[in-house]
């Protein structure tokens, strides 16, 4: 239901419209020069790290909790179906629908980008990272949904998780770092472990957008690991979030009393 809701459609439209507008301005501005397309796609990255997690969390957090609240889940599990199959099907269904929506949005942006001379490799890499971010948050949302008794509670918890991960990006943790004197490695580790920040760092490293956009944490990581190392570490973080949250949610689903 959430995938057909107005919020999901509005989010997709915002992603497409915002991406096209950023590309049009960036690639047509003589001031930005040859790096105009990279900075335009960097703007799309920052738009995506807010919108994509929400697009994944809203349908996934309501999936199992909503059926549990209505009593549909107990009826479904009374059928000769393996619980792992049910859980895996939910994950695949939401991920597929979300992936198709994102590919449609990114395909439109990519087509426009190709016409404006943007290298296709950058667009493809950005699309892959965006899908990885979406898959991670689908897994997180389903794990939250499995542990919640109602759709409203699951949605509220999902939005809280989204807010914490977005608000506590590198700048949020940097404030604590400066104020409380935390060691430098905690800031760099959090930038990789936080899926939202990992997506941002990997995408900006792929775009080679310069130190002004990756920030001091990203610059420090690139100096220590190299651009390729940052991309690999951040991508591994997104895959770990997707697989780890999926495993936790499935274990909880196997043992849950519906």
Protein backbone atom coordinates (compact mmCIF):
# COMPACT_ATOMS: atom_id res chain seq x y z
CA UNK A 1 0.00 0.00 0.00
CA UNK A 2 2.82 2.39 0.88
CA UNK A 3 4.42 1.81 -2.52
CA UNK A 4 1.21 3.04 -4.16
CA UNK A 5 0.73 5.92 -1.75
CA UNK A 6 1.08 9.60 -2.61
CA UNK A 7 4.24 10.05 -0.54
CA UNK A 8 6.10 7.43 -2.59
CA UNK A 9 5.02 9.02 -5.87
CA UNK A 10 5.89 12.50 -4.62
CA UNK A 11 9.33 11.30 -3.48
CA UNK A 12 10.03 9.78 -6.89
CA UNK A 13 8.91 12.98 -8.59
CA UNK A 14 11.11 15.09 -6.30
CA UNK A 15 14.11 12.88 -7.07
CA UNK A 16 13.55 13.13 -10.83
CA UNK A 17 12.70 16.84 -10.86
CA UNK A 18 15.51 17.80 -8.51
CA UNK A 19 18.06 15.71 -10.39
CA UNK A 20 17.10 17.14 -13.77
CA UNK A 21 17.16 20.70 -12.44
CA UNK A 22 20.59 20.23 -10.86
CA UNK A 23 22.00 18.71 -14.04
CA UNK A 24 20.54 21.43 -16.23
CA UNK A 25 21.99 24.20 -14.09
CA UNK A 26 25.35 22.51 -13.56
CA UNK A 27 26.04 21.44 -17.12
CA UNK A 28 24.94 24.73 -18.63
CA UNK A 29 26.89 26.99 -16.29
CA UNK A 30 30.15 28.27 -17.68
CA UNK A 31 31.25 29.22 -14.18
CA UNK A 32 31.45 25.57 -13.09
CA UNK A 33 33.48 24.61 -16.13
CA UNK A 34 34.41 20.97 -16.75
CA UNK A 35 33.48 19.96 -13.22
CA UNK A 36 29.93 21.20 -13.62
CA UNK A 37 28.48 17.72 -14.18
CA UNK A 38 30.30 16.30 -11.14
CA UNK A 39 28.99 19.04 -8.89
CA UNK A 40 25.50 18.62 -10.34
CA UNK A 41 25.51 14.90 -9.58
CA UNK A 42 26.92 15.69 -6.14
CA UNK A 43 23.80 17.77 -5.56
CA UNK A 44 21.73 14.77 -6.62
CA UNK A 45 23.64 12.64 -4.09
CA UNK A 46 22.70 14.98 -1.25
CA UNK A 47 19.09 14.97 -2.41
CA UNK A 48 19.08 11.18 -2.62
CA UNK A 49 20.51 10.59 0.84
CA UNK A 50 17.44 12.32 2.29
CA UNK A 51 14.77 10.93 -0.02
CA UNK A 52 15.85 7.35 -0.82
CA UNK A 53 15.97 6.08 2.80
CA UNK A 54 12.46 7.42 3.35
CA UNK A 55 11.23 5.75 0.16
CA UNK A 56 12.60 2.46 1.50
CA UNK A 57 11.54 2.81 5.13
CA UNK A 58 7.90 3.79 4.71
CA UNK A 59 6.77 0.64 2.85
CA UNK A 60 9.10 -1.74 4.69
CA UNK A 61 8.29 -0.63 8.24
CA UNK A 62 4.56 -1.01 7.57
CA UNK A 63 4.79 -4.34 5.76
CA UNK A 64 4.87 -6.94 8.54
CA UNK A 65 3.62 -4.75 11.40
CA UNK A 66 0.57 -3.72 9.36
CA UNK A 67 -0.39 -7.33 8.62
CA UNK A 68 0.21 -8.29 12.23
CA UNK A 69 -2.06 -5.46 13.43
CA UNK A 70 -4.86 -6.56 11.08
CA UNK A 71 -4.42 -10.26 11.86
CA UNK A 72 -3.42 -11.10 8.30
CA UNK A 73 0.01 -12.39 9.24
CA UNK A 74 -1.31 -15.13 11.53
CA UNK A 75 -3.63 -16.28 8.74
CA UNK A 76 -0.78 -16.26 6.21
CA UNK A 77 1.52 -18.26 8.46
CA UNK A 78 -1.23 -20.81 9.06
CA UNK A 79 -0.77 -21.83 5.44
CA UNK A 80 1.90 -24.40 4.46
CA UNK A 81 4.52 -21.70 3.96
CA UNK A 82 8.00 -21.53 5.38
CA UNK A 83 8.55 -18.39 7.47
CA UNK A 84 11.86 -17.70 5.81
CA UNK A 85 10.17 -17.81 2.42
CA UNK A 86 7.53 -15.32 3.58
CA UNK A 87 10.13 -12.93 4.95
CA UNK A 88 12.37 -13.24 1.91
CA UNK A 89 9.38 -12.62 -0.38
CA UNK A 90 8.51 -9.44 1.48
CA UNK A 91 12.05 -8.18 1.14
CA UNK A 92 12.25 -9.07 -2.54
CA UNK A 93 8.84 -7.57 -3.31
CA UNK A 94 9.58 -4.21 -1.69
CA UNK A 95 13.15 -4.08 -3.01
CA UNK A 96 12.05 -4.90 -6.55
CA UNK A 97 9.29 -2.30 -6.60
CA UNK A 98 11.55 0.32 -5.07
CA UNK A 99 14.40 -0.60 -7.40
CA UNK A 100 12.19 -0.23 -10.48
CA UNK A 101 11.01 3.18 -9.28
CA UNK A 102 14.58 4.32 -8.64
CA UNK A 103 15.82 2.95 -11.95
CA UNK A 104 13.02 4.80 -13.72
CA UNK A 105 13.98 8.00 -11.96
CA UNK A 106 17.71 7.54 -12.42
CA UNK A 107 17.20 6.38 -16.01
CA UNK A 108 15.45 9.64 -16.83
CA UNK A 109 18.24 11.59 -15.16
CA UNK A 110 20.88 9.45 -16.87
CA UNK A 111 19.38 10.00 -20.30
CA UNK A 112 19.36 13.74 -19.79
CA UNK A 113 22.88 13.57 -18.40
CA UNK A 114 24.12 11.66 -21.47
CA UNK A 115 22.62 14.31 -23.73
CA UNK A 116 24.47 16.97 -21.73
CA UNK A 117 27.80 15.13 -22.06
CA UNK A 118 28.03 13.61 -18.59
CA UNK A 119 30.14 10.39 -18.56
CA UNK A 120 27.87 7.34 -18.36
CA UNK A 121 30.20 5.57 -15.91
CA UNK A 122 29.48 8.19 -13.26
CA UNK A 123 25.73 7.84 -13.68
CA UNK A 124 25.91 4.02 -13.56
CA UNK A 125 28.09 4.06 -10.45
CA UNK A 126 25.74 6.50 -8.75
CA UNK A 127 22.76 4.30 -9.68
CA UNK A 128 24.43 1.23 -8.19
CA UNK A 129 25.23 3.00 -4.92
CA UNK A 130 21.69 4.39 -4.71
CA UNK A 131 20.22 0.90 -5.12
CA UNK A 132 22.59 -0.39 -2.41
CA UNK A 133 21.43 2.39 -0.07
CA UNK A 134 17.77 1.52 -0.79
CA UNK A 135 18.37 -2.19 -0.14
CA UNK A 136 20.05 -1.42 3.19
CA UNK A 137 17.08 0.63 4.37
CA UNK A 138 14.56 -1.95 3.18
CA UNK A 139 16.35 -4.47 5.40
CA UNK A 140 16.41 -2.02 8.31
CA UNK A 141 12.72 -1.23 7.84
CA UNK A 142 11.65 -4.88 7.73
CA UNK A 143 13.66 -5.62 10.88
CA UNK A 144 11.89 -2.73 12.63
CA UNK A 145 8.52 -3.91 11.30
CA UNK A 146 9.09 -7.44 12.62
CA UNK A 147 9.83 -6.11 16.10
CA UNK A 148 6.80 -3.77 16.21
CA UNK A 149 3.22 -4.50 17.19
CA UNK A 150 1.57 -1.86 15.03
CA UNK A 151 2.17 -0.02 11.77
CA UNK A 152 2.18 3.39 13.44
CA UNK A 153 4.79 2.35 15.99
CA UNK A 154 6.98 0.79 13.31
CA UNK A 155 6.72 3.87 11.11
CA UNK A 156 7.58 6.18 14.02
CA UNK A 157 10.61 4.09 14.91
CA UNK A 158 11.70 3.98 11.27
CA UNK A 159 11.49 7.77 10.98
CA UNK A 160 13.48 8.09 14.21
CA UNK A 161 16.22 5.86 12.83
CA UNK A 162 16.24 7.88 9.60
CA UNK A 163 16.53 11.15 11.50
CA UNK A 164 19.34 9.90 13.73
CA UNK A 165 21.39 8.54 10.83
CA UNK A 166 20.89 11.67 8.72
CA UNK A 167 21.34 14.14 11.57
CA UNK A 168 24.39 12.35 12.91
CA UNK A 169 26.35 12.53 9.68
CA UNK A 170 29.96 13.58 9.78
CA UNK A 171 29.07 17.15 10.76
CA UNK A 172 26.90 16.01 13.66
CA UNK A 173 29.57 13.70 15.02
CA UNK A 174 32.24 16.33 14.34
CA UNK A 175 30.47 18.64 16.77
CA UNK A 176 30.71 15.99 19.48
CA UNK A 177 34.29 15.28 18.47
CA UNK A 178 35.28 18.91 18.98
CA UNK A 179 33.25 19.38 22.14
CA UNK A 180 34.15 16.19 24.00
CA UNK A 181 37.58 15.49 22.56
CA UNK A 182 36.78 12.08 21.09
CA UNK A 183 39.65 10.38 19.22
CA UNK A 184 39.87 11.06 15.48
CA UNK A 185 39.35 7.44 14.48
CA UNK A 186 35.82 7.46 15.94
CA UNK A 187 34.78 10.18 13.52
CA UNK A 188 36.26 8.35 10.54
CA UNK A 189 34.80 5.00 11.63
CA UNK A 190 31.33 6.49 12.07
CA UNK A 191 31.51 8.00 8.58
CA UNK A 192 31.96 4.49 7.16
CA UNK A 193 29.58 2.68 9.53
CA UNK A 194 26.69 5.11 9.07
CA UNK A 195 24.95 3.92 5.86
CA UNK A 196 23.81 7.42 4.89
CA UNK A 197 27.28 8.87 5.31
CA UNK A 198 28.88 5.83 3.64
CA UNK A 199 26.66 6.40 0.60
CA UNK A 200 27.60 10.07 0.48
CA UNK A 201 31.34 9.42 0.74
CA UNK A 202 31.32 6.63 -1.85
CA UNK A 203 29.22 8.58 -4.34
CA UNK A 204 31.29 11.76 -4.02
CA UNK A 205 34.51 9.76 -4.32
CA UNK A 206 33.22 8.19 -7.54
CA UNK A 207 32.33 11.62 -8.87
CA UNK A 208 35.76 13.01 -7.90
CA UNK A 209 33.97 16.13 -6.73
CA UNK A 210 36.90 17.60 -4.79
CA UNK A 211 37.64 18.21 -1.08
CA UNK A 212 35.12 21.02 -0.86
CA UNK A 213 32.22 18.58 -1.15
CA UNK A 214 33.50 15.45 0.63
CA UNK A 215 34.35 17.53 3.70
CA UNK A 216 37.27 17.18 6.14
CA UNK A 217 36.34 13.62 7.14
CA UNK A 218 36.08 12.45 3.56
CA UNK A 219 39.35 14.17 2.71
CA UNK A 220 41.09 12.49 5.64
CA UNK A 221 39.74 9.09 4.62
CA UNK A 222 40.79 9.58 1.01
CA UNK A 223 44.27 10.60 2.16
CA UNK A 224 44.55 7.47 4.31
CA UNK A 225 42.79 4.90 2.08
CA UNK A 226 42.77 6.44 -1.37
CA UNK A 227 39.63 7.19 -3.36
CA UNK A 228 39.21 3.55 -4.40
CA UNK A 229 39.62 2.39 -0.79
CA UNK A 230 36.91 4.78 0.40
CA UNK A 231 34.52 3.54 -2.30
CA UNK A 232 35.19 -0.11 -1.45
CA UNK A 233 34.88 0.41 2.33
CA UNK A 234 31.69 2.46 2.03
CA UNK A 235 30.12 -0.02 -0.40
CA UNK A 236 31.03 -2.89 1.92
CA UNK A 237 29.30 -0.99 4.74
CA UNK A 238 26.09 -0.68 2.71
CA UNK A 239 26.19 -4.39 1.82
CA UNK A 240 26.81 -5.28 5.48
CA UNK A 241 23.84 -3.17 6.59
CA UNK A 242 21.62 -4.83 4.01
CA UNK A 243 22.69 -8.37 4.85
CA UNK A 244 23.02 -7.85 8.61
CA UNK A 245 19.66 -6.14 9.09
CA UNK A 246 18.02 -8.76 6.85
CA UNK A 247 19.47 -11.57 8.98
CA UNK A 248 18.39 -9.92 12.25
CA UNK A 249 14.88 -9.31 10.95
CA UNK A 250 14.52 -12.84 9.63
CA UNK A 251 15.70 -14.35 12.92
CA UNK A 252 13.17 -12.22 14.78
CA UNK A 253 10.46 -13.18 12.30
CA UNK A 254 11.24 -16.90 12.73
CA UNK A 255 10.68 -16.63 16.49
CA UNK A 256 7.87 -14.05 16.57
CA UNK A 257 4.44 -14.91 17.93
CA UNK A 258 1.82 -13.60 15.53
